[in-house]
């Protein structure tokens, strides 16, 4: 359930950015997974593929940066680093 709400929020942010760019397709999405975020890169990728199906981000290249510092203040976070919009 946590993953569904996470992906819903992520897709809303991606759609909003695309809407500000005349609904151009999303080429790439970069996220950072904190060391204590409780989701693996593979699991995140699976959920992203499912959530983006049929959306402006369906064909986006997903870049995942996995952090390993458990003492980082953002270690429990999943951070949307960037969204690249097609030219």
Protein backbone atom coordinates (compact mmCIF):
# COMPACT_ATOMS: atom_id res chain seq x y z
CA UNK A 1 0.00 0.00 0.00
CA UNK A 2 2.86 2.38 0.83
CA UNK A 3 4.29 1.89 -2.66
CA UNK A 4 0.96 2.74 -4.31
CA UNK A 5 0.66 6.08 -2.54
CA UNK A 6 4.33 6.79 -3.19
CA UNK A 7 3.92 6.14 -6.92
CA UNK A 8 0.67 8.11 -7.08
CA UNK A 9 2.43 11.12 -5.56
CA UNK A 10 5.42 10.70 -7.87
CA UNK A 11 3.22 10.47 -10.98
CA UNK A 12 1.31 13.60 -9.91
CA UNK A 13 4.59 15.52 -9.64
CA UNK A 14 5.80 14.24 -13.01
CA UNK A 15 2.47 15.07 -14.67
CA UNK A 16 2.53 18.56 -13.16
CA UNK A 17 6.02 19.27 -14.50
CA UNK A 18 5.04 17.95 -17.93
CA UNK A 19 1.88 20.09 -17.91
CA UNK A 20 4.04 23.17 -17.34
CA UNK A 21 5.97 22.17 -20.49
CA UNK A 22 2.93 21.82 -22.81
CA UNK A 23 2.47 18.14 -21.82
CA UNK A 24 5.66 17.07 -23.57
CA UNK A 25 6.75 13.47 -22.93
CA UNK A 26 9.09 12.74 -20.05
CA UNK A 27 12.47 11.44 -21.22
CA UNK A 28 13.98 10.60 -17.84
CA UNK A 29 13.26 10.58 -14.13
CA UNK A 30 16.00 10.44 -11.49
CA UNK A 31 15.26 9.44 -7.90
CA UNK A 32 17.43 8.93 -4.83
CA UNK A 33 16.63 6.07 -2.49
CA UNK A 34 17.85 6.65 1.05
CA UNK A 35 19.65 3.83 2.84
CA UNK A 36 16.67 3.36 5.17
CA UNK A 37 13.89 3.96 2.63
CA UNK A 38 12.79 0.30 2.84
CA UNK A 39 12.51 -0.24 -0.90
CA UNK A 40 15.06 -1.75 -3.25
CA UNK A 41 15.93 -0.22 -6.61
CA UNK A 42 14.45 -3.25 -8.40
CA UNK A 43 11.21 -3.07 -6.43
CA UNK A 44 10.97 0.69 -7.06
CA UNK A 45 11.57 0.12 -10.78
CA UNK A 46 8.75 -2.45 -10.94
CA UNK A 47 6.30 -0.10 -9.24
CA UNK A 48 7.36 2.81 -11.44
CA UNK A 49 6.80 0.74 -14.60
CA UNK A 50 3.31 -0.17 -13.42
CA UNK A 51 2.39 3.35 -12.27
CA UNK A 52 3.71 5.06 -15.42
CA UNK A 53 1.93 2.71 -17.84
CA UNK A 54 -0.36 4.80 -20.05
CA UNK A 55 1.04 8.11 -18.75
CA UNK A 56 3.32 10.81 -20.13
CA UNK A 57 6.18 9.03 -18.29
CA UNK A 58 5.58 5.54 -19.68
CA UNK A 59 8.73 5.51 -21.82
CA UNK A 60 10.90 7.53 -19.45
CA UNK A 61 14.34 6.26 -18.54
CA UNK A 62 14.31 5.72 -14.76
CA UNK A 63 17.62 6.51 -13.08
CA UNK A 64 17.90 5.33 -9.48
CA UNK A 65 20.66 6.49 -7.17
CA UNK A 66 20.89 4.24 -4.11
CA UNK A 67 22.44 5.89 -1.06
CA UNK A 68 24.11 3.79 1.62
CA UNK A 69 24.75 6.26 4.45
CA UNK A 70 22.33 5.34 7.26
CA UNK A 71 23.40 8.48 9.16
CA UNK A 72 22.37 10.82 6.37
CA UNK A 73 19.48 13.06 7.54
CA UNK A 74 17.57 11.94 4.43
CA UNK A 75 18.33 8.22 4.85
CA UNK A 76 14.62 7.36 5.19
CA UNK A 77 13.57 9.41 2.19
CA UNK A 78 12.86 8.79 -1.47
CA UNK A 79 13.77 11.97 -3.30
CA UNK A 80 12.72 13.04 -6.77
CA UNK A 81 16.04 14.37 -8.02
CA UNK A 82 15.10 15.47 -11.54
CA UNK A 83 12.66 15.16 -14.43
CA UNK A 84 13.88 15.55 -18.00
CA UNK A 85 11.26 16.67 -20.52
CA UNK A 86 11.51 16.00 -24.26
CA UNK A 87 12.56 18.94 -26.42
